[in-house]
N, C-alpha and C. Protein backbone atom coordinates (compact mmCIF):
# COMPACT_ATOMS: atom_id res chain seq x y z
N UNK A 1 -91.95 30.98 -67.83
CA UNK A 1 -91.80 29.90 -66.88
C UNK A 1 -90.52 30.12 -66.08
N UNK A 2 -90.62 29.96 -64.79
CA UNK A 2 -89.48 30.11 -63.90
C UNK A 2 -88.57 28.89 -63.97
N UNK A 3 -87.23 29.07 -63.98
CA UNK A 3 -86.33 27.92 -64.02
C UNK A 3 -86.42 27.10 -62.73
N UNK A 4 -85.94 25.86 -62.80
CA UNK A 4 -85.94 24.99 -61.64
C UNK A 4 -85.11 25.58 -60.50
N UNK A 5 -83.96 26.14 -60.84
CA UNK A 5 -83.10 26.74 -59.82
C UNK A 5 -82.41 27.95 -60.41
N UNK A 6 -82.22 28.95 -59.57
CA UNK A 6 -81.48 30.14 -59.98
C UNK A 6 -80.53 30.48 -58.84
N UNK A 7 -79.42 31.11 -59.15
CA UNK A 7 -78.45 31.43 -58.12
C UNK A 7 -77.84 32.79 -58.36
N UNK A 8 -77.40 33.40 -57.28
CA UNK A 8 -76.73 34.69 -57.31
C UNK A 8 -75.52 34.58 -56.41
N UNK A 9 -74.37 34.95 -56.94
CA UNK A 9 -73.15 34.98 -56.13
C UNK A 9 -72.83 36.43 -55.89
N UNK A 10 -72.94 36.86 -54.63
CA UNK A 10 -72.64 38.23 -54.27
C UNK A 10 -71.23 38.28 -53.74
N UNK A 11 -70.41 39.15 -54.31
CA UNK A 11 -69.02 39.24 -53.86
C UNK A 11 -68.78 40.58 -53.19
N UNK A 12 -67.91 40.57 -52.20
CA UNK A 12 -67.48 41.77 -51.52
C UNK A 12 -66.05 42.03 -51.96
N UNK A 13 -65.83 43.17 -52.57
CA UNK A 13 -64.53 43.45 -53.16
C UNK A 13 -63.75 44.45 -52.32
N UNK A 14 -62.43 44.33 -52.34
CA UNK A 14 -61.60 45.32 -51.68
C UNK A 14 -61.17 46.34 -52.73
N UNK A 15 -61.44 47.58 -52.46
CA UNK A 15 -61.06 48.65 -53.39
C UNK A 15 -60.75 49.89 -52.57
N UNK A 16 -59.70 50.58 -52.96
CA UNK A 16 -59.31 51.78 -52.21
C UNK A 16 -60.05 53.01 -52.70
N UNK A 17 -60.75 52.92 -53.82
CA UNK A 17 -61.50 54.05 -54.33
C UNK A 17 -62.74 53.54 -55.04
N UNK A 18 -63.52 54.42 -55.58
CA UNK A 18 -64.70 54.02 -56.34
C UNK A 18 -64.28 53.19 -57.55
N UNK A 19 -65.13 52.23 -57.96
CA UNK A 19 -64.76 51.39 -59.11
C UNK A 19 -64.53 52.21 -60.38
N UNK A 20 -63.48 51.89 -61.08
CA UNK A 20 -63.19 52.54 -62.35
C UNK A 20 -63.94 51.80 -63.45
N UNK A 21 -63.89 52.30 -64.67
CA UNK A 21 -64.53 51.62 -65.79
C UNK A 21 -63.90 50.25 -66.02
N UNK A 22 -62.61 50.12 -65.80
CA UNK A 22 -61.92 48.84 -65.90
C UNK A 22 -60.94 48.75 -64.75
N UNK A 23 -61.03 47.68 -63.98
CA UNK A 23 -60.14 47.52 -62.83
C UNK A 23 -60.11 46.05 -62.42
N UNK A 24 -59.08 45.68 -61.65
CA UNK A 24 -58.98 44.33 -61.10
C UNK A 24 -59.16 44.42 -59.59
N UNK A 25 -59.90 43.48 -59.03
CA UNK A 25 -60.21 43.47 -57.61
C UNK A 25 -59.87 42.13 -57.00
N UNK A 26 -59.48 42.15 -55.74
CA UNK A 26 -59.29 40.93 -54.95
C UNK A 26 -60.62 40.66 -54.24
N UNK A 27 -61.18 39.48 -54.42
CA UNK A 27 -62.43 39.13 -53.74
C UNK A 27 -62.08 38.79 -52.30
N UNK A 28 -62.74 39.45 -51.35
CA UNK A 28 -62.44 39.25 -49.94
C UNK A 28 -63.54 38.51 -49.20
N UNK A 29 -64.68 38.36 -49.81
CA UNK A 29 -65.78 37.62 -49.19
C UNK A 29 -66.85 37.37 -50.23
N UNK A 30 -67.71 36.42 -49.98
CA UNK A 30 -68.77 36.11 -50.93
C UNK A 30 -69.91 35.42 -50.22
N UNK A 31 -71.05 35.44 -50.86
CA UNK A 31 -72.24 34.75 -50.36
C UNK A 31 -72.98 34.17 -51.56
N UNK A 32 -73.39 32.93 -51.46
CA UNK A 32 -74.18 32.30 -52.52
C UNK A 32 -75.63 32.25 -52.07
N UNK A 33 -76.54 32.68 -52.93
CA UNK A 33 -77.96 32.65 -52.64
C UNK A 33 -78.68 31.89 -53.75
N UNK A 34 -79.49 30.91 -53.36
CA UNK A 34 -80.22 30.07 -54.30
C UNK A 34 -81.71 30.33 -54.17
N UNK A 35 -82.38 30.25 -55.29
CA UNK A 35 -83.84 30.28 -55.34
C UNK A 35 -84.26 29.00 -56.03
N UNK A 36 -85.11 28.21 -55.39
CA UNK A 36 -85.56 26.96 -55.96
C UNK A 36 -87.04 27.05 -56.29
N UNK A 37 -87.42 26.54 -57.44
CA UNK A 37 -88.83 26.51 -57.84
C UNK A 37 -89.45 25.28 -57.20
N UNK A 38 -90.10 25.50 -56.05
CA UNK A 38 -90.59 24.38 -55.26
C UNK A 38 -91.67 23.57 -55.97
N UNK A 39 -92.50 24.21 -56.79
CA UNK A 39 -93.54 23.43 -57.48
C UNK A 39 -92.92 22.47 -58.49
N UNK A 40 -91.87 22.90 -59.21
CA UNK A 40 -91.17 21.98 -60.13
C UNK A 40 -90.51 20.85 -59.35
N UNK A 41 -89.87 21.20 -58.23
CA UNK A 41 -89.22 20.18 -57.41
C UNK A 41 -90.23 19.14 -56.94
N UNK A 42 -91.38 19.59 -56.45
CA UNK A 42 -92.40 18.66 -55.96
C UNK A 42 -92.91 17.75 -57.08
N UNK A 43 -93.09 18.30 -58.29
CA UNK A 43 -93.52 17.48 -59.43
C UNK A 43 -92.50 16.40 -59.75
N UNK A 44 -91.23 16.66 -59.46
CA UNK A 44 -90.16 15.68 -59.71
C UNK A 44 -89.91 14.76 -58.52
N UNK A 45 -90.64 14.98 -57.41
CA UNK A 45 -90.49 14.14 -56.23
C UNK A 45 -89.46 14.63 -55.23
N UNK A 46 -89.09 15.92 -55.27
CA UNK A 46 -88.10 16.49 -54.35
C UNK A 46 -88.73 17.57 -53.48
N UNK A 47 -88.24 17.69 -52.24
CA UNK A 47 -88.63 18.83 -51.39
C UNK A 47 -87.50 19.12 -50.41
N UNK A 48 -87.24 20.40 -50.18
CA UNK A 48 -86.20 20.82 -49.24
C UNK A 48 -86.74 20.62 -47.83
N UNK A 49 -86.01 19.86 -47.01
CA UNK A 49 -86.46 19.60 -45.64
C UNK A 49 -85.59 20.26 -44.59
N UNK A 50 -84.38 20.71 -44.96
CA UNK A 50 -83.51 21.34 -43.97
C UNK A 50 -82.44 22.16 -44.68
N UNK A 51 -82.07 23.28 -44.07
CA UNK A 51 -80.95 24.09 -44.53
C UNK A 51 -79.92 24.12 -43.41
N UNK A 52 -78.70 23.66 -43.70
CA UNK A 52 -77.64 23.62 -42.68
C UNK A 52 -76.75 24.86 -42.83
N UNK A 53 -76.58 25.59 -41.74
CA UNK A 53 -75.72 26.78 -41.64
C UNK A 53 -76.12 27.89 -42.62
N UNK A 54 -77.42 28.19 -42.77
CA UNK A 54 -77.80 29.29 -43.65
C UNK A 54 -77.47 30.63 -43.01
N UNK A 55 -77.33 31.66 -43.81
CA UNK A 55 -77.12 33.02 -43.33
C UNK A 55 -78.18 33.92 -43.97
N UNK A 56 -78.48 35.07 -43.35
CA UNK A 56 -79.45 35.98 -43.98
C UNK A 56 -78.92 36.45 -45.33
N UNK A 57 -79.81 36.49 -46.33
CA UNK A 57 -79.36 36.89 -47.66
C UNK A 57 -79.08 38.39 -47.69
N UNK A 58 -78.10 38.79 -48.51
CA UNK A 58 -77.76 40.19 -48.72
C UNK A 58 -77.79 40.49 -50.20
N UNK A 59 -78.09 41.70 -50.54
CA UNK A 59 -77.99 42.20 -51.92
C UNK A 59 -78.75 41.35 -52.93
N UNK A 60 -79.91 40.81 -52.54
CA UNK A 60 -80.68 40.05 -53.50
C UNK A 60 -81.91 40.82 -53.97
N UNK A 61 -82.19 41.95 -53.33
CA UNK A 61 -83.34 42.75 -53.74
C UNK A 61 -83.15 43.23 -55.18
N UNK A 62 -84.12 42.96 -56.02
CA UNK A 62 -84.02 43.35 -57.42
C UNK A 62 -83.21 42.40 -58.27
N UNK A 63 -82.83 41.25 -57.73
CA UNK A 63 -82.00 40.29 -58.47
C UNK A 63 -82.82 39.38 -59.38
N UNK A 64 -84.12 39.33 -59.18
CA UNK A 64 -84.96 38.42 -59.94
C UNK A 64 -85.15 37.08 -59.27
N UNK A 65 -84.46 36.84 -58.15
CA UNK A 65 -84.65 35.60 -57.41
C UNK A 65 -85.96 35.67 -56.63
N UNK A 66 -86.68 34.55 -56.56
CA UNK A 66 -87.95 34.51 -55.86
C UNK A 66 -87.85 33.62 -54.63
N UNK A 67 -88.63 33.95 -53.60
CA UNK A 67 -88.64 33.17 -52.36
C UNK A 67 -89.17 31.77 -52.63
N UNK A 68 -88.74 30.78 -51.85
CA UNK A 68 -87.82 30.90 -50.74
C UNK A 68 -86.38 30.99 -51.21
N UNK A 69 -85.57 31.73 -50.45
CA UNK A 69 -84.16 31.90 -50.77
C UNK A 69 -83.32 31.16 -49.73
N UNK A 70 -82.21 30.60 -50.17
CA UNK A 70 -81.27 29.91 -49.29
C UNK A 70 -79.90 30.54 -49.54
N UNK A 71 -79.29 31.09 -48.47
CA UNK A 71 -78.01 31.78 -48.60
C UNK A 71 -76.95 31.13 -47.73
N UNK A 72 -75.72 31.09 -48.25
CA UNK A 72 -74.61 30.48 -47.54
C UNK A 72 -73.36 31.33 -47.70
N UNK A 73 -72.53 31.37 -46.66
CA UNK A 73 -71.31 32.18 -46.70
C UNK A 73 -70.10 31.31 -47.00
N UNK A 74 -68.98 31.98 -47.25
CA UNK A 74 -67.76 31.27 -47.63
C UNK A 74 -67.19 30.48 -46.47
N UNK A 75 -66.41 29.48 -46.82
CA UNK A 75 -65.76 28.61 -45.85
C UNK A 75 -64.27 28.63 -46.15
N UNK A 76 -63.52 29.34 -45.34
CA UNK A 76 -62.07 29.38 -45.53
C UNK A 76 -61.63 30.58 -46.35
N UNK A 77 -60.33 30.58 -46.63
CA UNK A 77 -59.71 31.69 -47.36
C UNK A 77 -60.18 31.71 -48.82
N UNK A 78 -60.17 32.92 -49.39
CA UNK A 78 -60.56 33.09 -50.79
C UNK A 78 -59.33 33.52 -51.58
N UNK A 79 -59.06 32.81 -52.65
CA UNK A 79 -57.96 33.14 -53.56
C UNK A 79 -58.58 33.40 -54.93
N UNK A 80 -59.10 34.61 -55.12
CA UNK A 80 -59.79 34.94 -56.36
C UNK A 80 -59.64 36.43 -56.66
N UNK A 81 -59.24 36.72 -57.90
CA UNK A 81 -59.17 38.10 -58.40
C UNK A 81 -60.05 38.16 -59.65
N UNK A 82 -60.79 39.26 -59.77
CA UNK A 82 -61.63 39.42 -60.95
C UNK A 82 -61.32 40.75 -61.63
N UNK A 83 -61.41 40.75 -62.94
CA UNK A 83 -61.25 41.98 -63.71
C UNK A 83 -62.63 42.41 -64.18
N UNK A 84 -62.99 43.65 -63.84
CA UNK A 84 -64.30 44.19 -64.17
C UNK A 84 -64.13 45.30 -65.18
N UNK A 85 -64.99 45.29 -66.20
CA UNK A 85 -64.99 46.34 -67.21
C UNK A 85 -66.43 46.60 -67.61
N UNK A 86 -66.83 47.85 -67.60
CA UNK A 86 -68.19 48.23 -67.97
C UNK A 86 -69.24 47.46 -67.18
N UNK A 87 -68.99 47.26 -65.89
CA UNK A 87 -69.95 46.60 -65.02
C UNK A 87 -70.07 45.10 -65.18
N UNK A 88 -69.16 44.46 -65.91
CA UNK A 88 -69.20 43.01 -66.13
C UNK A 88 -67.87 42.38 -65.74
N UNK A 89 -67.93 41.17 -65.26
CA UNK A 89 -66.71 40.42 -64.97
C UNK A 89 -66.14 39.95 -66.30
N UNK A 90 -64.92 40.38 -66.61
CA UNK A 90 -64.27 40.03 -67.88
C UNK A 90 -63.31 38.85 -67.73
N UNK A 91 -62.71 38.70 -66.55
CA UNK A 91 -61.83 37.56 -66.32
C UNK A 91 -61.77 37.28 -64.83
N UNK A 92 -61.44 36.05 -64.50
CA UNK A 92 -61.31 35.63 -63.11
C UNK A 92 -60.07 34.76 -63.00
N UNK A 93 -59.28 34.98 -61.95
CA UNK A 93 -58.04 34.24 -61.73
C UNK A 93 -58.01 33.77 -60.29
N UNK A 94 -57.71 32.52 -60.09
CA UNK A 94 -57.64 31.97 -58.74
C UNK A 94 -58.39 30.66 -58.66
N UNK A 95 -58.75 30.31 -57.44
CA UNK A 95 -59.43 29.03 -57.20
C UNK A 95 -60.93 29.23 -57.01
N UNK A 96 -61.73 28.18 -57.21
CA UNK A 96 -63.17 28.28 -56.92
C UNK A 96 -63.39 28.66 -55.45
N UNK A 97 -64.48 29.34 -55.17
CA UNK A 97 -64.81 29.78 -53.82
C UNK A 97 -65.60 28.67 -53.13
N UNK A 98 -65.18 28.28 -51.91
CA UNK A 98 -65.85 27.23 -51.15
C UNK A 98 -66.89 27.85 -50.23
N UNK A 99 -68.04 27.20 -50.12
CA UNK A 99 -69.12 27.66 -49.25
C UNK A 99 -69.45 26.60 -48.22
N UNK A 100 -69.84 27.02 -47.02
CA UNK A 100 -70.20 26.11 -45.94
C UNK A 100 -71.71 26.00 -45.86
N UNK A 101 -72.17 24.83 -45.43
CA UNK A 101 -73.59 24.61 -45.26
C UNK A 101 -74.21 24.01 -46.51
N UNK A 102 -75.52 23.98 -46.54
CA UNK A 102 -76.20 23.44 -47.70
C UNK A 102 -77.61 22.99 -47.40
N UNK A 103 -78.15 22.19 -48.30
CA UNK A 103 -79.55 21.77 -48.22
C UNK A 103 -79.66 20.26 -48.14
N UNK A 104 -80.65 19.80 -47.37
CA UNK A 104 -81.03 18.39 -47.36
C UNK A 104 -82.36 18.31 -48.11
N UNK A 105 -82.42 17.44 -49.12
CA UNK A 105 -83.58 17.36 -49.99
C UNK A 105 -84.19 15.97 -49.89
N UNK A 106 -85.47 15.92 -49.52
CA UNK A 106 -86.20 14.66 -49.44
C UNK A 106 -86.58 14.24 -50.86
N UNK A 107 -86.47 12.95 -51.14
CA UNK A 107 -86.81 12.45 -52.48
C UNK A 107 -87.85 11.34 -52.37
N UNK A 108 -88.69 11.28 -53.39
CA UNK A 108 -89.65 10.19 -53.46
C UNK A 108 -89.92 9.88 -54.93
N UNK A 109 -90.36 8.68 -55.18
CA UNK A 109 -90.73 8.30 -56.53
C UNK A 109 -91.97 9.11 -56.92
N UNK A 110 -91.90 9.91 -58.00
CA UNK A 110 -93.04 10.77 -58.33
C UNK A 110 -94.31 10.01 -58.70
N UNK A 111 -94.18 8.75 -59.13
CA UNK A 111 -95.37 7.96 -59.49
C UNK A 111 -95.99 7.27 -58.28
N UNK A 112 -95.13 6.63 -57.45
CA UNK A 112 -95.65 5.84 -56.34
C UNK A 112 -95.60 6.58 -55.01
N UNK A 113 -94.87 7.67 -54.95
CA UNK A 113 -94.65 8.46 -53.73
C UNK A 113 -93.88 7.67 -52.67
N UNK A 114 -93.21 6.60 -53.06
CA UNK A 114 -92.37 5.84 -52.13
C UNK A 114 -91.12 6.64 -51.83
N UNK A 115 -90.71 6.67 -50.56
CA UNK A 115 -89.54 7.44 -50.14
C UNK A 115 -88.26 6.82 -50.71
N UNK A 116 -87.35 7.70 -51.15
CA UNK A 116 -86.04 7.31 -51.65
C UNK A 116 -84.99 7.94 -50.73
N UNK A 117 -83.72 7.50 -50.81
CA UNK A 117 -82.69 8.13 -49.97
C UNK A 117 -82.61 9.64 -50.23
N UNK A 118 -82.42 10.44 -49.16
CA UNK A 118 -82.36 11.90 -49.35
C UNK A 118 -81.10 12.33 -50.09
N UNK A 119 -81.18 13.48 -50.74
CA UNK A 119 -80.04 14.10 -51.41
C UNK A 119 -79.52 15.21 -50.53
N UNK A 120 -78.23 15.50 -50.63
CA UNK A 120 -77.69 16.63 -49.88
C UNK A 120 -76.77 17.45 -50.77
N UNK A 121 -76.85 18.74 -50.62
CA UNK A 121 -75.96 19.69 -51.29
C UNK A 121 -75.27 20.45 -50.17
N UNK A 122 -74.12 19.94 -49.71
CA UNK A 122 -73.40 20.53 -48.59
C UNK A 122 -71.98 20.89 -49.00
N UNK A 123 -71.49 21.96 -48.40
CA UNK A 123 -70.10 22.37 -48.56
C UNK A 123 -69.68 22.34 -50.02
N UNK A 124 -70.28 23.21 -50.80
CA UNK A 124 -70.09 23.24 -52.25
C UNK A 124 -69.10 24.32 -52.66
N UNK A 125 -68.70 24.32 -53.93
CA UNK A 125 -67.76 25.29 -54.48
C UNK A 125 -68.39 25.97 -55.68
N UNK A 126 -68.02 27.22 -55.89
CA UNK A 126 -68.50 27.99 -57.04
C UNK A 126 -67.30 28.52 -57.78
N UNK A 127 -67.30 28.36 -59.11
CA UNK A 127 -66.24 28.91 -59.95
C UNK A 127 -66.86 29.96 -60.86
N UNK A 128 -66.26 31.14 -60.92
CA UNK A 128 -66.78 32.20 -61.78
C UNK A 128 -66.30 31.97 -63.20
N UNK A 129 -67.25 31.87 -64.11
CA UNK A 129 -66.95 31.74 -65.53
C UNK A 129 -67.44 33.03 -66.17
N UNK A 130 -66.55 33.96 -66.50
CA UNK A 130 -66.96 35.26 -67.00
C UNK A 130 -67.78 35.16 -68.28
N UNK A 131 -68.75 36.03 -68.40
CA UNK A 131 -69.56 36.15 -69.62
C UNK A 131 -68.77 37.04 -70.56
N UNK A 132 -68.15 36.45 -71.54
CA UNK A 132 -67.27 37.20 -72.43
C UNK A 132 -68.00 37.60 -73.69
N UNK A 133 -68.84 38.62 -73.58
CA UNK A 133 -69.50 39.19 -74.75
C UNK A 133 -70.78 38.52 -75.17
N UNK A 134 -71.32 37.61 -74.36
CA UNK A 134 -72.59 36.99 -74.73
C UNK A 134 -73.74 37.88 -74.40
């Protein structure tokens, strides 16, 4: 069964040479890409009606995310350094990354189909929580 929502945070790193087995990088840009399971959303009375300031998705091929995809770029300066070892993020230092844009989601009562106030996911932040050996 596909999850209700899945996300991929693609980061663009500054490096003067090829990545080493263990190294620290300054994150210079990022993009958040979401995949929503629309059939689950509809069963719960939700549907995406608008995407504000979306950008074309990058580096999602082979990620396991399924269409439709919603991608958003960063908003403002990034203050984030990550330590990578053996292809995994081992630690992150700095502030959460802010993203511009988002989704407007129509809501309705799943039993009566009566319209409810819409939900919005706009101008959100992402914090990297490293997977430490899980």
